[in-house]
C-alpha atoms as a PDB file:
ATOM      1  CA  MET A   1     110.712 129.050 164.996  1.00  0.00           C
ATOM      2  CA  ASN A   2     110.246 131.476 162.772  1.00  0.00           C
ATOM      3  CA  LEU A   3     112.402 131.544 159.473  1.00  0.00           C
ATOM      4  CA  ILE A   4     114.696 134.551 158.698  1.00  0.00           C
ATOM      5  CA  ASP A   5     113.207 136.480 156.074  1.00  0.00           C
ATOM      6  CA  ASN A   6     115.720 139.431 156.861  1.00  0.00           C
ATOM      7  CA  PRO A   7     118.530 139.014 153.856  1.00  0.00           C
ATOM      8  CA  GLU A   8     121.057 141.460 156.613  1.00  0.00           C
ATOM      9  CA  GLN A   9     120.090 138.435 159.431  1.00  0.00           C
ATOM     10  CA  ALA A  10     120.754 135.761 157.200  1.00  0.00           C
ATOM     11  CA  LYS A  11     124.056 136.836 156.304  1.00  0.00           C
ATOM     12  CA  ARG A  12     124.842 137.575 159.796  1.00  0.00           C
ATOM     13  CA  LEU A  13     124.260 134.106 160.228  1.00  0.00           C
ATOM     14  CA  ALA A  14     125.937 132.426 157.866  1.00  0.00           C
ATOM     15  CA  ARG A  15     129.124 134.025 159.154  1.00  0.00           C
ATOM     16  CA  ALA A  16     128.506 133.119 162.603  1.00  0.00           C
ATOM     17  CA  ILE A  17     128.203 129.331 161.413  1.00  0.00           C
ATOM     18  CA  ILE A  18     130.712 129.539 158.941  1.00  0.00           C
ATOM     19  CA  SER A  19     133.520 131.442 161.586  1.00  0.00           C
ATOM     20  CA  ASP A  20     132.682 128.472 164.359  1.00  0.00           C
ATOM     21  CA  VAL A  21     133.271 126.029 161.602  1.00  0.00           C
ATOM     22  CA  ALA A  22     136.429 127.673 161.229  1.00  0.00           C
ATOM     23  CA  ILE A  23     137.200 128.244 164.962  1.00  0.00           C
ATOM     24  CA  TYR A  24     136.607 125.074 166.261  1.00  0.00           C
ATOM     25  CA  ASN A  25     138.342 123.077 163.029  1.00  0.00           C
ATOM     26  CA  LYS A  26     141.384 125.373 162.698  1.00  0.00           C
ATOM     27  CA  GLU A  27     143.865 122.452 162.053  1.00  0.00           C
ATOM     28  CA  LYS A  28     141.747 120.859 159.520  1.00  0.00           C
ATOM     29  CA  VAL A  29     141.022 124.173 157.627  1.00  0.00           C
ATOM     30  CA  GLU A  30     145.007 124.890 157.563  1.00  0.00           C
ATOM     31  CA  SER A  31     145.809 121.342 156.143  1.00  0.00           C
ATOM     32  CA  GLY A  32     142.977 121.858 153.900  1.00  0.00           C
ATOM     33  CA  ILE A  33     144.424 125.390 152.022  1.00  0.00           C
ATOM     34  CA  LYS A  34     147.388 123.727 152.233  1.00  0.00           C
ATOM     35  CA  ASN A  35     146.329 120.583 150.982  1.00  0.00           C
ATOM     36  CA  ASP A  36     143.888 122.713 148.256  1.00  0.00           C
ATOM     37  CA  ASP A  37     141.526 120.190 149.385  1.00  0.00           C
ATOM     38  CA  ILE A  38     139.846 122.231 151.992  1.00  0.00           C
ATOM     39  CA  PHE A  39     136.107 121.483 150.825  1.00  0.00           C
ATOM     40  CA  GLU A  40     136.771 117.666 151.132  1.00  0.00           C
ATOM     41  CA  THR A  41     138.419 118.249 154.410  1.00  0.00           C
ATOM     42  CA  LEU A  42     135.460 120.358 155.954  1.00  0.00           C
ATOM     43  CA  GLN A  43     132.798 117.998 154.013  1.00  0.00           C
ATOM     44  CA  GLU A  44     131.086 116.932 157.352  1.00  0.00           C
ATOM     45  CA  GLN A  45     131.317 120.327 158.966  1.00  0.00           C
ATOM     46  CA  LEU A  46     129.837 122.090 156.141  1.00  0.00           C
ATOM     47  CA  GLU A  47     127.201 120.475 155.319  1.00  0.00           C
ATOM     48  CA  GLU A  48     126.105 120.279 158.735  1.00  0.00           C
ATOM     49  CA  GLY A  49     126.534 124.049 159.123  1.00  0.00           C
ATOM     50  CA  ARG A  50     124.551 124.363 155.660  1.00  0.00           C
ATOM     51  CA  GLN A  51     121.626 122.095 157.171  1.00  0.00           C
ATOM     52  CA  HIS A  52     121.646 124.343 160.110  1.00  0.00           C
ATOM     53  CA  PHE A  53     121.505 127.335 158.030  1.00  0.00           C
ATOM     54  CA  PHE A  54     119.063 126.150 155.696  1.00  0.00           C
ATOM     55  CA  SER A  55     116.359 125.366 158.935  1.00  0.00           C
ATOM     56  CA  ARG A  56     116.337 128.566 159.913  1.00  0.00           C
ATOM     57  CA  VAL A  57     116.362 130.593 156.954  1.00  0.00           C
ATOM     58  CA  SER A  58     113.458 131.282 154.553  1.00  0.00           C
ATOM     59  CA  SER A  59     114.196 130.026 150.885  1.00  0.00           C
ATOM     60  CA  ASP A  60     112.900 133.368 149.418  1.00  0.00           C
ATOM     61  CA  LEU A  61     115.875 134.778 150.515  1.00  0.00           C
ATOM     62  CA  LYS A  62     118.228 131.675 148.034  1.00  0.00           C
ATOM     63  CA  PRO A  63     119.999 130.582 151.019  1.00  0.00           C
ATOM     64  CA  GLU A  64     122.147 128.570 148.929  1.00  0.00           C
ATOM     65  CA  GLN A  65     124.125 131.897 147.799  1.00  0.00           C
ATOM     66  CA  ILE A  66     124.146 133.464 151.090  1.00  0.00           C
ATOM     67  CA  PHE A  67     125.752 130.570 152.522  1.00  0.00           C
ATOM     68  CA  ASP A  68     128.443 129.641 149.777  1.00  0.00           C
ATOM     69  CA  LEU A  69     129.267 133.611 149.846  1.00  0.00           C
ATOM     70  CA  ALA A  70     129.906 133.353 153.155  1.00  0.00           C
ATOM     71  CA  VAL A  71     132.100 130.345 152.983  1.00  0.00           C
ATOM     72  CA  VAL A  72     134.041 132.334 150.461  1.00  0.00           C
ATOM     73  CA  ASP A  73     134.186 135.726 152.851  1.00  0.00           C
ATOM     74  CA  VAL A  74     134.815 134.106 156.157  1.00  0.00           C
ATOM     75  CA  LEU A  75     136.514 130.502 155.377  1.00  0.00           C
ATOM     76  CA  ILE A  76     138.446 131.230 152.253  1.00  0.00           C
ATOM     77  CA  LYS A  77     139.709 134.389 152.656  1.00  0.00           C
ATOM     78  CA  ARG A  78     140.557 134.835 156.342  1.00  0.00           C
ATOM     79  CA  ALA A  79     142.703 131.746 155.628  1.00  0.00           C
ATOM     80  CA  GLY A  80     144.638 133.659 152.981  1.00  0.00           C
ATOM     81  CA  LYS A  81     147.915 134.061 155.075  1.00  0.00           C
ATOM     82  CA  ILE A  82     147.834 130.433 155.168  1.00  0.00           C
ATOM     83  CA  GLU A  83     150.801 128.968 152.778  1.00  0.00           C
ATOM     84  CA  SER A  84     149.749 127.621 149.624  1.00  0.00           C
ATOM     85  CA  SER A  85     150.167 126.806 146.378  1.00  0.00           C
ATOM     86  CA  ILE A  86     146.570 128.007 145.444  1.00  0.00           C
ATOM     87  CA  TRP A  87     147.262 131.849 146.052  1.00  0.00           C
END
């Protein structure tokens, strides 16, 4: 399988992976936001998603930055409606 070397395609993949994490772990997302431990709560799922993303994207694109930005844009911003002391 060829690695993704187009930044926009890499961003779409990262966002899709994080969307899946959020969709399949709604209760964990809500709990993690409420308790301000979202990264600890979803550590296993985020790491699995990260590894999958890195296996598909060229390292020339700085995949760490793309993936981390997707976590903030998709997971954290969408959870802004959940009551929490972190807001």
